[in-house]
Full PDB file with SEQRES, HELIX, SHEET, SSBOND, CRYST1, ORIGX, SCALE, CONECT and MASTER records, all heavy atoms in Angstrom:
SEQRES   1 A   44  ARG PRO HIS HIS PHE THR LEU SER ASP THR SER ILE THR          
SEQRES   2 A   44  GLN ARG SER ASP LEU PRO ALA CYS ALA GLY SER THR PHE          
SEQRES   3 A   44  GLY TYR MET GLY GLU PRO PHE ARG ILE ALA PHE LYS LEU          
SEQRES   4 A   44  LYS ALA TRP ASN GLN                                          
HELIX    1 AA1 PRO A   19  CYS A   21  5                                   3    
SHEET    1 AA1 2 HIS A   4  THR A  13  0                                        
SHEET    2 AA1 2 ARG A  34  TRP A  42 -1                                        
CRYST1    1.000    1.000    1.000  90.00  90.00  90.00 P 1           1          
ORIGX1      1.000000  0.000000  0.000000        0.00000                         
ORIGX2      0.000000  1.000000  0.000000        0.00000                         
ORIGX3      0.000000  0.000000  1.000000        0.00000                         
SCALE1      1.000000  0.000000  0.000000        0.00000                         
SCALE2      0.000000  1.000000  0.000000        0.00000                         
SCALE3      0.000000  0.000000  1.000000        0.00000                         
ATOM      1  N   ARG A   1     -10.276   7.865  21.213  1.00  0.00           N  
ATOM      2  CA  ARG A   1      -9.923   7.334  19.818  1.00  0.00           C  
ATOM      3  C   ARG A   1      -9.011   8.453  19.203  1.00  0.00           C  
ATOM      4  O   ARG A   1      -8.928   9.614  19.696  1.00  0.00           O  
ATOM      5  CB  ARG A   1     -11.195   7.201  18.911  1.00  0.00           C  
ATOM      6  CG  ARG A   1     -12.007   8.528  18.854  1.00  0.00           C  
ATOM      7  CD  ARG A   1     -13.086   8.379  17.740  1.00  0.00           C  
ATOM      8  NE  ARG A   1     -13.906   9.623  17.733  1.00  0.00           N  
ATOM      9  CZ  ARG A   1     -13.645  10.746  17.097  1.00  0.00           C  
ATOM     10  NH1 ARG A   1     -12.469  10.933  16.470  1.00  0.00           N  
ATOM     11  NH2 ARG A   1     -14.436  11.686  16.995  1.00  0.00           N  
ATOM     12  N   PRO A   2      -8.320   8.089  18.045  1.00  0.00           N  
ATOM     13  CA  PRO A   2      -7.544   9.233  17.401  1.00  0.00           C  
ATOM     14  C   PRO A   2      -8.543  10.221  16.847  1.00  0.00           C  
ATOM     15  O   PRO A   2      -9.730  10.073  16.669  1.00  0.00           O  
ATOM     16  CB  PRO A   2      -6.880   8.437  16.249  1.00  0.00           C  
ATOM     17  CG  PRO A   2      -6.839   7.051  16.704  1.00  0.00           C  
ATOM     18  CD  PRO A   2      -8.172   6.837  17.444  1.00  0.00           C  
ATOM     19  N   HIS A   3      -8.001  11.420  16.631  1.00  0.00           N  
ATOM     20  CA  HIS A   3      -8.854  12.561  16.053  1.00  0.00           C  
ATOM     21  C   HIS A   3      -8.880  12.406  14.537  1.00  0.00           C  
ATOM     22  O   HIS A   3      -9.802  12.636  13.786  1.00  0.00           O  
ATOM     23  CB  HIS A   3      -8.200  13.811  16.445  1.00  0.00           C  
ATOM     24  CG  HIS A   3      -9.006  15.046  15.773  1.00  0.00           C  
ATOM     25  ND1 HIS A   3      -8.639  15.637  14.599  1.00  0.00           N  
ATOM     26  CD2 HIS A   3     -10.128  15.645  16.227  1.00  0.00           C  
ATOM     27  CE1 HIS A   3      -9.445  16.555  14.313  1.00  0.00           C  
ATOM     28  NE2 HIS A   3     -10.375  16.581  15.372  1.00  0.00           N  
ATOM     29  N   HIS A   4      -7.719  11.943  13.841  1.00  0.00           N  
ATOM     30  CA  HIS A   4      -7.599  11.871  12.433  1.00  0.00           C  
ATOM     31  C   HIS A   4      -6.384  11.017  12.014  1.00  0.00           C  
ATOM     32  O   HIS A   4      -5.495  10.758  12.861  1.00  0.00           O  
ATOM     33  CB  HIS A   4      -7.458  13.180  11.764  1.00  0.00           C  
ATOM     34  CG  HIS A   4      -6.266  14.025  12.067  1.00  0.00           C  
ATOM     35  ND1 HIS A   4      -6.233  14.796  13.162  1.00  0.00           N  
ATOM     36  CD2 HIS A   4      -4.958  14.054  11.544  1.00  0.00           C  
ATOM     37  CE1 HIS A   4      -4.943  15.301  13.292  1.00  0.00           C  
ATOM     38  NE2 HIS A   4      -4.251  14.895  12.307  1.00  0.00           N  
ATOM     39  N   PHE A   5      -6.336  10.564  10.835  1.00  0.00           N  
ATOM     40  CA  PHE A   5      -5.197   9.860  10.153  1.00  0.00           C  
ATOM     41  C   PHE A   5      -4.501  10.789   9.192  1.00  0.00           C  
ATOM     42  O   PHE A   5      -5.103  11.662   8.653  1.00  0.00           O  
ATOM     43  CB  PHE A   5      -5.576   8.608   9.512  1.00  0.00           C  
ATOM     44  CG  PHE A   5      -6.258   7.605  10.348  1.00  0.00           C  
ATOM     45  CD1 PHE A   5      -7.559   7.086  10.122  1.00  0.00           C  
ATOM     46  CD2 PHE A   5      -5.554   7.116  11.497  1.00  0.00           C  
ATOM     47  CE1 PHE A   5      -8.152   6.070  10.922  1.00  0.00           C  
ATOM     48  CE2 PHE A   5      -6.201   6.126  12.251  1.00  0.00           C  
ATOM     49  CZ  PHE A   5      -7.432   5.701  11.995  1.00  0.00           C  
ATOM     50  N   THR A   6      -3.139  10.470   8.928  1.00  0.00           N  
ATOM     51  CA  THR A   6      -2.460  11.072   7.851  1.00  0.00           C  
ATOM     52  C   THR A   6      -1.964   9.871   7.008  1.00  0.00           C  
ATOM     53  O   THR A   6      -1.681   8.817   7.488  1.00  0.00           O  
ATOM     54  CB  THR A   6      -1.331  12.029   8.322  1.00  0.00           C  
ATOM     55  OG1 THR A   6      -0.442  11.221   9.174  1.00  0.00           O  
ATOM     56  CG2 THR A   6      -1.843  13.254   8.952  1.00  0.00           C  
ATOM     57  N   LEU A   7      -1.742  10.217   5.718  1.00  0.00           N  
ATOM     58  CA  LEU A   7      -1.276   9.226   4.727  1.00  0.00           C  
ATOM     59  C   LEU A   7       0.159   9.560   4.281  1.00  0.00           C  
ATOM     60  O   LEU A   7       0.432  10.691   4.113  1.00  0.00           O  
ATOM     61  CB  LEU A   7      -2.149   9.247   3.482  1.00  0.00           C  
ATOM     62  CG  LEU A   7      -1.812   8.386   2.321  1.00  0.00           C  
ATOM     63  CD1 LEU A   7      -1.921   6.914   2.662  1.00  0.00           C  
ATOM     64  CD2 LEU A   7      -2.729   8.746   1.075  1.00  0.00           C  
ATOM     65  N   SER A   8       1.026   8.491   4.219  1.00  0.00           N  
ATOM     66  CA  SER A   8       2.498   8.726   3.871  1.00  0.00           C  
ATOM     67  C   SER A   8       3.003   7.482   3.276  1.00  0.00           C  
ATOM     68  O   SER A   8       2.283   6.450   3.211  1.00  0.00           O  
ATOM     69  CB  SER A   8       3.277   9.138   5.089  1.00  0.00           C  
ATOM     70  OG  SER A   8       3.322   7.973   6.078  1.00  0.00           O  
ATOM     71  N   ASP A   9       4.184   7.586   2.765  1.00  0.00           N  
ATOM     72  CA  ASP A   9       5.027   6.423   2.239  1.00  0.00           C  
ATOM     73  C   ASP A   9       4.114   5.555   1.201  1.00  0.00           C  
ATOM     74  O   ASP A   9       4.116   4.337   1.286  1.00  0.00           O  
ATOM     75  CB  ASP A   9       5.455   5.533   3.371  1.00  0.00           C  
ATOM     76  CG  ASP A   9       6.367   6.170   4.301  1.00  0.00           C  
ATOM     77  OD1 ASP A   9       7.032   7.273   3.785  1.00  0.00           O  
ATOM     78  OD2 ASP A   9       6.580   5.797   5.407  1.00  0.00           O  
ATOM     79  N   THR A  10       3.505   6.246   0.346  1.00  0.00           N  
ATOM     80  CA  THR A  10       2.620   5.640  -0.680  1.00  0.00           C  
ATOM     81  C   THR A  10       3.572   5.045  -1.809  1.00  0.00           C  
ATOM     82  O   THR A  10       4.565   5.665  -2.175  1.00  0.00           O  
ATOM     83  CB  THR A  10       1.614   6.474  -1.346  1.00  0.00           C  
ATOM     84  OG1 THR A  10       2.310   7.630  -1.964  1.00  0.00           O  
ATOM     85  CG2 THR A  10       0.735   7.021  -0.184  1.00  0.00           C  
ATOM     86  N   SER A  11       3.158   3.941  -2.439  1.00  0.00           N  
ATOM     87  CA  SER A  11       3.869   3.383  -3.463  1.00  0.00           C  
ATOM     88  C   SER A  11       3.033   2.508  -4.369  1.00  0.00           C  
ATOM     89  O   SER A  11       2.061   1.933  -3.881  1.00  0.00           O  
ATOM     90  CB  SER A  11       5.175   2.584  -3.136  1.00  0.00           C  
ATOM     91  OG  SER A  11       4.829   1.397  -2.343  1.00  0.00           O  
ATOM     92  N   ILE A  12       3.409   2.316  -5.622  1.00  0.00           N  
ATOM     93  CA  ILE A  12       2.689   1.472  -6.535  1.00  0.00           C  
ATOM     94  C   ILE A  12       3.726   0.536  -7.238  1.00  0.00           C  
ATOM     95  O   ILE A  12       4.761   1.002  -7.825  1.00  0.00           O  
ATOM     96  CB  ILE A  12       1.889   2.202  -7.636  1.00  0.00           C  
ATOM     97  CG1 ILE A  12       0.810   2.995  -6.924  1.00  0.00           C  
ATOM     98  CG2 ILE A  12       1.344   1.184  -8.648  1.00  0.00           C  
ATOM     99  CD1 ILE A  12       0.052   3.834  -7.921  1.00  0.00           C  
ATOM    100  N   THR A  13       3.599  -0.789  -7.134  1.00  0.00           N  
ATOM    101  CA  THR A  13       4.519  -1.681  -7.824  1.00  0.00           C  
ATOM    102  C   THR A  13       3.681  -2.437  -8.878  1.00  0.00           C  
ATOM    103  O   THR A  13       2.838  -3.215  -8.617  1.00  0.00           O  
ATOM    104  CB  THR A  13       4.969  -2.753  -6.823  1.00  0.00           C  
ATOM    105  OG1 THR A  13       5.752  -2.023  -5.794  1.00  0.00           O  
ATOM    106  CG2 THR A  13       6.007  -3.687  -7.578  1.00  0.00           C  
ATOM    107  N   GLN A  14       4.023  -2.060 -10.148  1.00  0.00           N  
ATOM    108  CA  GLN A  14       3.213  -2.578 -11.250  1.00  0.00           C  
ATOM    109  C   GLN A  14       3.730  -4.121 -11.490  1.00  0.00           C  
ATOM    110  O   GLN A  14       4.770  -4.489 -11.099  1.00  0.00           O  
ATOM    111  CB  GLN A  14       3.524  -1.806 -12.485  1.00  0.00           C  
ATOM    112  CG  GLN A  14       2.515  -0.762 -12.706  1.00  0.00           C  
ATOM    113  CD  GLN A  14       1.054  -1.215 -12.863  1.00  0.00           C  
ATOM    114  OE1 GLN A  14       0.858  -2.421 -13.056  1.00  0.00           O  
ATOM    115  NE2 GLN A  14       0.178  -0.270 -13.031  1.00  0.00           N  
ATOM    116  N   ARG A  15       2.788  -4.889 -12.094  1.00  0.00           N  
ATOM    117  CA  ARG A  15       2.996  -6.291 -12.448  1.00  0.00           C  
ATOM    118  C   ARG A  15       3.478  -7.086 -11.276  1.00  0.00           C  
ATOM    119  O   ARG A  15       4.569  -7.881 -11.400  1.00  0.00           O  
ATOM    120  CB  ARG A  15       3.975  -6.383 -13.698  1.00  0.00           C  
ATOM    121  CG  ARG A  15       3.551  -5.344 -14.786  1.00  0.00           C  
ATOM    122  CD  ARG A  15       4.147  -5.685 -16.035  1.00  0.00           C  
ATOM    123  NE  ARG A  15       3.588  -6.982 -16.610  1.00  0.00           N  
ATOM    124  CZ  ARG A  15       3.912  -7.573 -17.722  1.00  0.00           C  
ATOM    125  NH1 ARG A  15       4.850  -7.014 -18.449  1.00  0.00           N  
ATOM    126  NH2 ARG A  15       3.341  -8.629 -18.149  1.00  0.00           N  
ATOM    127  N   SER A  16       2.880  -6.988 -10.143  1.00  0.00           N  
ATOM    128  CA  SER A  16       3.336  -7.586  -8.927  1.00  0.00           C  
ATOM    129  C   SER A  16       3.299  -9.126  -8.967  1.00  0.00           C  
ATOM    130  O   SER A  16       3.850  -9.897  -8.092  1.00  0.00           O  
ATOM    131  CB  SER A  16       2.560  -7.181  -7.776  1.00  0.00           C  
ATOM    132  OG  SER A  16       1.149  -7.309  -7.889  1.00  0.00           O  
ATOM    133  N   ASP A  17       2.651  -9.679 -10.014  1.00  0.00           N  
ATOM    134  CA  ASP A  17       2.495 -11.153 -10.224  1.00  0.00           C  
ATOM    135  C   ASP A  17       3.745 -11.628 -10.806  1.00  0.00           C  
ATOM    136  O   ASP A  17       4.077 -12.866 -10.843  1.00  0.00           O  
ATOM    137  CB  ASP A  17       1.367 -11.591 -11.046  1.00  0.00           C  
ATOM    138  CG  ASP A  17       1.412 -10.971 -12.426  1.00  0.00           C  
ATOM    139  OD1 ASP A  17       1.830  -9.717 -12.591  1.00  0.00           O  
ATOM    140  OD2 ASP A  17       1.101 -11.680 -13.442  1.00  0.00           O  
ATOM    141  N   LEU A  18       4.701 -10.812 -11.357  1.00  0.00           N  
ATOM    142  CA  LEU A  18       5.961 -11.204 -12.103  1.00  0.00           C  
ATOM    143  C   LEU A  18       7.097 -10.484 -11.483  1.00  0.00           C  
ATOM    144  O   LEU A  18       7.339  -9.321 -11.659  1.00  0.00           O  
ATOM    145  CB  LEU A  18       5.880 -10.815 -13.518  1.00  0.00           C  
ATOM    146  CG  LEU A  18       4.675 -11.494 -14.269  1.00  0.00           C  
ATOM    147  CD1 LEU A  18       4.725 -11.049 -15.738  1.00  0.00           C  
ATOM    148  CD2 LEU A  18       4.832 -13.063 -14.346  1.00  0.00           C  
ATOM    149  N   PRO A  19       7.796 -11.233 -10.549  1.00  0.00           N  
ATOM    150  CA  PRO A  19       9.055 -10.578  -9.930  1.00  0.00           C  
ATOM    151  C   PRO A  19      10.001 -10.069 -10.882  1.00  0.00           C  
ATOM    152  O   PRO A  19      10.687  -9.130 -10.724  1.00  0.00           O  
ATOM    153  CB  PRO A  19       9.533 -11.731  -9.076  1.00  0.00           C  
ATOM    154  CG  PRO A  19       8.453 -12.654  -8.886  1.00  0.00           C  
ATOM    155  CD  PRO A  19       7.496 -12.534 -10.035  1.00  0.00           C  
ATOM    156  N   ALA A  20      10.057 -10.724 -12.051  1.00  0.00           N  
ATOM    157  CA  ALA A  20      11.051 -10.203 -13.162  1.00  0.00           C  
ATOM    158  C   ALA A  20      10.721  -8.871 -13.687  1.00  0.00           C  
ATOM    159  O   ALA A  20      11.481  -8.197 -14.291  1.00  0.00           O  
ATOM    160  CB  ALA A  20      11.107 -11.194 -14.247  1.00  0.00           C  
ATOM    161  N   CYS A  21       9.391  -8.430 -13.450  1.00  0.00           N  
ATOM    162  CA  CYS A  21       8.999  -7.189 -13.980  1.00  0.00           C  
ATOM    163  C   CYS A  21       9.017  -6.113 -13.017  1.00  0.00           C  
ATOM    164  O   CYS A  21       8.377  -5.056 -13.073  1.00  0.00           O  
ATOM    165  CB  CYS A  21       7.569  -7.381 -14.487  1.00  0.00           C  
ATOM    166  SG  CYS A  21       7.411  -8.304 -15.992  1.00  0.00           S  
ATOM    167  N   ALA A  22       9.702  -6.235 -11.802  1.00  0.00           N  
ATOM    168  CA  ALA A  22       9.763  -5.151 -10.711  1.00  0.00           C  
ATOM    169  C   ALA A  22      10.370  -3.959 -11.485  1.00  0.00           C  
ATOM    170  O   ALA A  22      11.346  -4.080 -12.172  1.00  0.00           O  
ATOM    171  CB  ALA A  22      10.746  -5.725  -9.789  1.00  0.00           C  
ATOM    172  N   GLY A  23       9.909  -2.859 -11.224  1.00  0.00           N  
ATOM    173  CA  GLY A  23      10.255  -1.524 -11.916  1.00  0.00           C  
ATOM    174  C   GLY A  23       9.458  -1.214 -13.119  1.00  0.00           C  
ATOM    175  O   GLY A  23       9.739  -0.128 -13.701  1.00  0.00           O  
ATOM    176  N   SER A  24       8.513  -2.091 -13.609  1.00  0.00           N  
ATOM    177  CA  SER A  24       7.776  -1.721 -14.749  1.00  0.00           C  
ATOM    178  C   SER A  24       6.966  -0.430 -14.503  1.00  0.00           C  
ATOM    179  O   SER A  24       6.425  -0.223 -13.458  1.00  0.00           O  
ATOM    180  CB  SER A  24       6.823  -2.892 -15.125  1.00  0.00           C  
ATOM    181  OG  SER A  24       6.047  -2.531 -16.174  1.00  0.00           O  
ATOM    182  N   THR A  25       6.925   0.403 -15.515  1.00  0.00           N  
ATOM    183  CA  THR A  25       6.128   1.620 -15.442  1.00  0.00           C  
ATOM    184  C   THR A  25       4.712   1.490 -15.882  1.00  0.00           C  
ATOM    185  O   THR A  25       3.974   2.443 -15.852  1.00  0.00           O  
ATOM    186  CB  THR A  25       6.825   2.789 -16.253  1.00  0.00           C  
ATOM    187  OG1 THR A  25       6.919   2.271 -17.675  1.00  0.00           O  
ATOM    188  CG2 THR A  25       8.288   3.040 -15.729  1.00  0.00           C  
ATOM    189  N   PHE A  26       4.273   0.311 -16.328  1.00  0.00           N  
ATOM    190  CA  PHE A  26       2.894   0.107 -16.785  1.00  0.00           C  
ATOM    191  C   PHE A  26       2.412  -1.221 -16.320  1.00  0.00           C  
ATOM    192  O   PHE A  26       3.305  -2.117 -15.853  1.00  0.00           O  
ATOM    193  CB  PHE A  26       2.825   0.196 -18.339  1.00  0.00           C  
ATOM    194  CG  PHE A  26       3.251  -1.151 -19.006  1.00  0.00           C  
ATOM    195  CD1 PHE A  26       2.324  -1.999 -19.449  1.00  0.00           C  
ATOM    196  CD2 PHE A  26       4.618  -1.419 -19.109  1.00  0.00           C  
ATOM    197  CE1 PHE A  26       2.704  -3.194 -19.935  1.00  0.00           C  
ATOM    198  CE2 PHE A  26       4.883  -2.611 -19.659  1.00  0.00           C  
ATOM    199  CZ  PHE A  26       4.100  -3.511 -20.134  1.00  0.00           C  
ATOM    200  N   GLY A  27       1.123  -1.470 -16.505  1.00  0.00           N  
ATOM    201  CA  GLY A  27       0.590  -2.817 -16.257  1.00  0.00           C  
ATOM    202  C   GLY A  27      -0.526  -3.079 -17.282  1.00  0.00           C  
ATOM    203  O   GLY A  27      -0.937  -2.248 -17.975  1.00  0.00           O  
ATOM    204  N   TYR A  28      -0.980  -4.272 -17.316  1.00  0.00           N  
ATOM    205  CA  TYR A  28      -2.054  -4.647 -18.239  1.00  0.00           C  
ATOM    206  C   TYR A  28      -3.375  -4.735 -17.320  1.00  0.00           C  
ATOM    207  O   TYR A  28      -3.343  -5.064 -16.186  1.00  0.00           O  
ATOM    208  CB  TYR A  28      -1.852  -6.030 -18.797  1.00  0.00           C  
ATOM    209  CG  TYR A  28      -0.730  -6.054 -19.812  1.00  0.00           C  
ATOM    210  CD1 TYR A  28       0.532  -6.579 -19.504  1.00  0.00           C  
ATOM    211  CD2 TYR A  28      -0.919  -5.442 -21.059  1.00  0.00           C  
ATOM    212  CE1 TYR A  28       1.566  -6.654 -20.440  1.00  0.00           C  
ATOM    213  CE2 TYR A  28       0.116  -5.468 -21.961  1.00  0.00           C  
ATOM    214  CZ  TYR A  28       1.373  -6.043 -21.697  1.00  0.00           C  
ATOM    215  OH  TYR A  28       2.388  -6.048 -22.594  1.00  0.00           O  
ATOM    216  N   MET A  29      -4.465  -4.382 -17.945  1.00  0.00           N  
ATOM    217  CA  MET A  29      -5.772  -4.554 -17.308  1.00  0.00           C  
ATOM    218  C   MET A  29      -5.922  -6.020 -17.161  1.00  0.00           C  
ATOM    219  O   MET A  29      -5.696  -6.845 -17.928  1.00  0.00           O  
ATOM    220  CB  MET A  29      -6.833  -3.979 -18.215  1.00  0.00           C  
ATOM    221  CG  MET A  29      -6.784  -2.419 -18.459  1.00  0.00           C  
ATOM    222  SD  MET A  29      -8.131  -1.904 -19.499  1.00  0.00           S  
ATOM    223  CE  MET A  29      -7.299  -0.362 -20.066  1.00  0.00           C  
ATOM    224  N   GLY A  30      -6.421  -6.431 -15.869  1.00  0.00           N  
ATOM    225  CA  GLY A  30      -6.594  -7.769 -15.488  1.00  0.00           C  
ATOM    226  C   GLY A  30      -5.317  -8.407 -14.860  1.00  0.00           C  
ATOM    227  O   GLY A  30      -5.337  -9.554 -14.437  1.00  0.00           O  
ATOM    228  N   GLU A  31      -4.339  -7.626 -14.680  1.00  0.00           N  
ATOM    229  CA  GLU A  31      -3.039  -7.987 -13.995  1.00  0.00           C  
ATOM    230  C   GLU A  31      -2.984  -7.360 -12.703  1.00  0.00           C  
ATOM    231  O   GLU A  31      -3.189  -6.135 -12.587  1.00  0.00           O  
ATOM    232  CB  GLU A  31      -1.873  -7.690 -14.928  1.00  0.00           C  
ATOM    233  CG  GLU A  31      -0.568  -8.239 -14.228  1.00  0.00           C  
ATOM    234  CD  GLU A  31       0.710  -7.868 -15.194  1.00  0.00           C  
ATOM    235  OE1 GLU A  31       0.552  -6.894 -15.962  1.00  0.00           O  
ATOM    236  OE2 GLU A  31       1.669  -8.520 -15.143  1.00  0.00           O  
ATOM    237  N   PRO A  32      -2.635  -8.029 -11.575  1.00  0.00           N  
ATOM    238  CA  PRO A  32      -2.513  -7.332 -10.247  1.00  0.00           C  
ATOM    239  C   PRO A  32      -1.337  -6.398 -10.222  1.00  0.00           C  
ATOM    240  O   PRO A  32      -0.252  -6.583 -10.768  1.00  0.00           O  
ATOM    241  CB  PRO A  32      -2.402  -8.508  -9.286  1.00  0.00           C  
ATOM    242  CG  PRO A  32      -1.848  -9.618 -10.022  1.00  0.00           C  
ATOM    243  CD  PRO A  32      -2.311  -9.406 -11.503  1.00  0.00           C  
ATOM    244  N   PHE A  33      -1.498  -5.326  -9.512  1.00  0.00           N  
ATOM    245  CA  PHE A  33      -0.423  -4.414  -9.068  1.00  0.00           C  
ATOM    246  C   PHE A  33      -0.495  -4.149  -7.618  1.00  0.00           C  
ATOM    247  O   PHE A  33      -1.701  -4.104  -7.067  1.00  0.00           O  
ATOM    248  CB  PHE A  33      -0.292  -3.237  -9.921  1.00  0.00           C  
ATOM    249  CG  PHE A  33      -1.506  -2.285  -9.887  1.00  0.00           C  
ATOM    250  CD1 PHE A  33      -1.552  -1.134  -9.028  1.00  0.00           C  
ATOM    251  CD2 PHE A  33      -2.583  -2.489 -10.838  1.00  0.00           C  
ATOM    252  CE1 PHE A  33      -2.642  -0.380  -9.010  1.00  0.00           C  
ATOM    253  CE2 PHE A  33      -3.686  -1.580 -10.788  1.00  0.00           C  
ATOM    254  CZ  PHE A  33      -3.755  -0.527  -9.798  1.00  0.00           C  
ATOM    255  N   ARG A  34       0.605  -3.922  -6.980  1.00  0.00           N  
ATOM    256  CA  ARG A  34       0.637  -3.747  -5.548  1.00  0.00           C  
ATOM    257  C   ARG A  34       0.636  -2.203  -5.109  1.00  0.00           C  
ATOM    258  O   ARG A  34       1.340  -1.496  -5.591  1.00  0.00           O  
ATOM    259  CB  ARG A  34       1.781  -4.414  -4.928  1.00  0.00           C  
ATOM    260  CG  ARG A  34       2.036  -4.389  -3.427  1.00  0.00           C  
ATOM    261  CD  ARG A  34       3.200  -5.269  -3.040  1.00  0.00           C  
ATOM    262  NE  ARG A  34       3.515  -5.085  -1.575  1.00  0.00           N  
ATOM    263  CZ  ARG A  34       4.206  -4.213  -1.022  1.00  0.00           C  
ATOM    264  NH1 ARG A  34       4.865  -3.297  -1.786  1.00  0.00           N  
ATOM    265  NH2 ARG A  34       4.470  -4.250   0.211  1.00  0.00           N  
ATOM    266  N   ILE A  35      -0.276  -1.898  -4.203  1.00  0.00           N  
ATOM    267  CA  ILE A  35      -0.185  -0.540  -3.639  1.00  0.00           C  
ATOM    268  C   ILE A  35       0.229  -0.755  -2.176  1.00  0.00           C  
ATOM    269  O   ILE A  35      -0.122  -1.705  -1.447  1.00  0.00           O  
ATOM    270  CB  ILE A  35      -1.645   0.170  -3.724  1.00  0.00           C  
ATOM    271  CG1 ILE A  35      -2.582  -0.565  -2.877  1.00  0.00           C  
ATOM    272  CG2 ILE A  35      -2.042   0.352  -5.076  1.00  0.00           C  
ATOM    273  CD1 ILE A  35      -3.915   0.264  -2.705  1.00  0.00           C  
ATOM    274  N   ALA A  36       0.957   0.130  -1.574  1.00  0.00           N  
ATOM    275  CA  ALA A  36       1.483   0.175  -0.307  1.00  0.00           C  
ATOM    276  C   ALA A  36       1.340   1.597   0.261  1.00  0.00           C  
ATOM    277  O   ALA A  36       1.587   2.629  -0.472  1.00  0.00           O  
ATOM    278  CB  ALA A  36       2.747  -0.408  -0.074  1.00  0.00           C  
ATOM    279  N   PHE A  37       1.021   1.682   1.603  1.00  0.00           N  
ATOM    280  CA  PHE A  37       0.977   3.057   2.171  1.00  0.00           C  
ATOM    281  C   PHE A  37       0.970   2.950   3.723  1.00  0.00           C  
ATOM    282  O   PHE A  37       0.816   1.791   4.273  1.00  0.00           O  
ATOM    283  CB  PHE A  37      -0.349   3.795   1.833  1.00  0.00           C  
ATOM    284  CG  PHE A  37      -1.573   3.043   2.040  1.00  0.00           C  
ATOM    285  CD1 PHE A  37      -2.295   3.134   3.197  1.00  0.00           C  
ATOM    286  CD2 PHE A  37      -2.055   2.186   0.962  1.00  0.00           C  
ATOM    287  CE1 PHE A  37      -3.374   2.415   3.438  1.00  0.00           C  
ATOM    288  CE2 PHE A  37      -3.280   1.513   1.289  1.00  0.00           C  
ATOM    289  CZ  PHE A  37      -3.977   1.590   2.455  1.00  0.00           C  
ATOM    290  N   LYS A  38       1.253   4.009   4.330  1.00  0.00           N  
ATOM    291  CA  LYS A  38       1.123   4.064   5.947  1.00  0.00           C  
ATOM    292  C   LYS A  38       0.100   5.062   6.313  1.00  0.00           C  
ATOM    293  O   LYS A  38      -0.141   6.029   5.576  1.00  0.00           O  
ATOM    294  CB  LYS A  38       2.477   4.468   6.410  1.00  0.00           C  
ATOM    295  CG  LYS A  38       3.572   3.373   6.264  1.00  0.00           C  
ATOM    296  CD  LYS A  38       4.823   3.767   6.922  1.00  0.00           C  
ATOM    297  CE  LYS A  38       5.905   2.732   6.855  1.00  0.00           C  
ATOM    298  NZ  LYS A  38       7.196   3.205   7.528  1.00  0.00           N  
ATOM    299  N   LEU A  39      -0.557   4.691   7.410  1.00  0.00           N  
ATOM    300  CA  LEU A  39      -1.521   5.525   8.087  1.00  0.00           C  
ATOM    301  C   LEU A  39      -0.992   5.923   9.471  1.00  0.00           C  
ATOM    302  O   LEU A  39      -0.468   4.956  10.102  1.00  0.00           O  
ATOM    303  CB  LEU A  39      -2.920   4.966   8.237  1.00  0.00           C  
ATOM    304  CG  LEU A  39      -3.598   4.728   6.963  1.00  0.00           C  
ATOM    305  CD1 LEU A  39      -5.058   4.033   7.267  1.00  0.00           C  
ATOM    306  CD2 LEU A  39      -3.886   5.836   6.144  1.00  0.00           C  
ATOM    307  N   LYS A  40      -1.009   7.067   9.927  1.00  0.00           N  
ATOM    308  CA  LYS A  40      -0.557   7.443  11.238  1.00  0.00           C  
ATOM    309  C   LYS A  40      -1.656   8.075  11.944  1.00  0.00           C  
ATOM    310  O   LYS A  40      -2.375   8.983  11.365  1.00  0.00           O  
ATOM    311  CB  LYS A  40       0.678   8.387  11.123  1.00  0.00           C  
ATOM    312  CG  LYS A  40       1.338   8.551  12.524  1.00  0.00           C  
ATOM    313  CD  LYS A  40       2.682   9.235  12.315  1.00  0.00           C  
ATOM    314  CE  LYS A  40       3.460   9.332  13.608  1.00  0.00           C  
ATOM    315  NZ  LYS A  40       4.814   9.835  13.436  1.00  0.00           N  
ATOM    316  N   ALA A  41      -1.887   7.743  13.250  1.00  0.00           N  
ATOM    317  CA  ALA A  41      -2.950   8.263  14.065  1.00  0.00           C  
ATOM    318  C   ALA A  41      -2.426   9.425  14.827  1.00  0.00           C  
ATOM    319  O   ALA A  41      -1.385   9.413  15.486  1.00  0.00           O  
ATOM    320  CB  ALA A  41      -3.438   7.114  14.981  1.00  0.00           C  
ATOM    321  N   TRP A  42      -3.247  10.459  14.856  1.00  0.00           N  
ATOM    322  CA  TRP A  42      -2.954  11.753  15.665  1.00  0.00           C  
ATOM    323  C   TRP A  42      -4.144  12.241  16.549  1.00  0.00           C  
ATOM    324  O   TRP A  42      -5.298  11.841  16.285  1.00  0.00           O  
ATOM    325  CB  TRP A  42      -2.662  12.847  14.666  1.00  0.00           C  
ATOM    326  CG  TRP A  42      -1.573  12.585  13.679  1.00  0.00           C  
ATOM    327  CD1 TRP A  42      -1.675  11.802  12.433  1.00  0.00           C  
ATOM    328  CD2 TRP A  42      -0.256  12.934  13.665  1.00  0.00           C  
ATOM    329  NE1 TRP A  42      -0.494  11.704  11.850  1.00  0.00           N  
ATOM    330  CE2 TRP A  42       0.386  12.444  12.564  1.00  0.00           C  
ATOM    331  CE3 TRP A  42       0.494  13.798  14.609  1.00  0.00           C  
ATOM    332  CZ2 TRP A  42       1.777  12.676  12.340  1.00  0.00           C  
ATOM    333  CZ3 TRP A  42       1.800  13.984  14.313  1.00  0.00           C  
ATOM    334  CH2 TRP A  42       2.455  13.397  13.164  1.00  0.00           C  
ATOM    335  N   ASN A  43      -3.745  13.031  17.550  1.00  0.00           N  
ATOM    336  CA  ASN A  43      -4.850  13.592  18.372  1.00  0.00           C  
ATOM    337  C   ASN A  43      -5.177  14.999  17.684  1.00  0.00           C  
ATOM    338  O   ASN A  43      -4.611  15.376  16.650  1.00  0.00           O  
ATOM    339  CB  ASN A  43      -4.585  13.687  19.810  1.00  0.00           C  
ATOM    340  CG  ASN A  43      -3.449  14.647  20.200  1.00  0.00           C  
ATOM    341  OD1 ASN A  43      -3.022  15.600  19.410  1.00  0.00           O  
ATOM    342  ND2 ASN A  43      -2.941  14.671  21.341  1.00  0.00           N  
ATOM    343  N   GLN A  44      -6.064  15.697  18.301  1.00  0.00           N  
ATOM    344  CA  GLN A  44      -6.577  16.926  17.711  1.00  0.00           C  
ATOM    345  C   GLN A  44      -5.404  17.993  17.679  1.00  0.00           C  
ATOM    346  O   GLN A  44      -5.420  18.917  16.774  1.00  0.00           O  
ATOM    347  CB  GLN A  44      -7.687  17.512  18.420  1.00  0.00           C  
ATOM    348  CG  GLN A  44      -8.288  18.812  17.881  1.00  0.00           C  
ATOM    349  CD  GLN A  44      -9.575  19.252  18.492  1.00  0.00           C  
ATOM    350  OE1 GLN A  44     -10.681  18.750  18.107  1.00  0.00           O  
ATOM    351  NE2 GLN A  44      -9.518  20.134  19.509  1.00  0.00           N  
TER     352      GLN A  44                                                      
MASTER        0    0    0    1    2    0    0    6  351    1    0    4          
END                                                                             
C-alpha cells in the first residue's frame, strides 16, 4: 500500500448552485459550495 498521501490543488467555489455567482467571495448558510482537491500517493 502507499505509505502516505499529500494534499494539493485545493480550491473553494462559493455559491456553486448559481453559475452566475462564480467568483463570489462569500456564501449563505444553507447554500452549497464546492470544494476540490487532489491526493497523491507516495512510498516511504
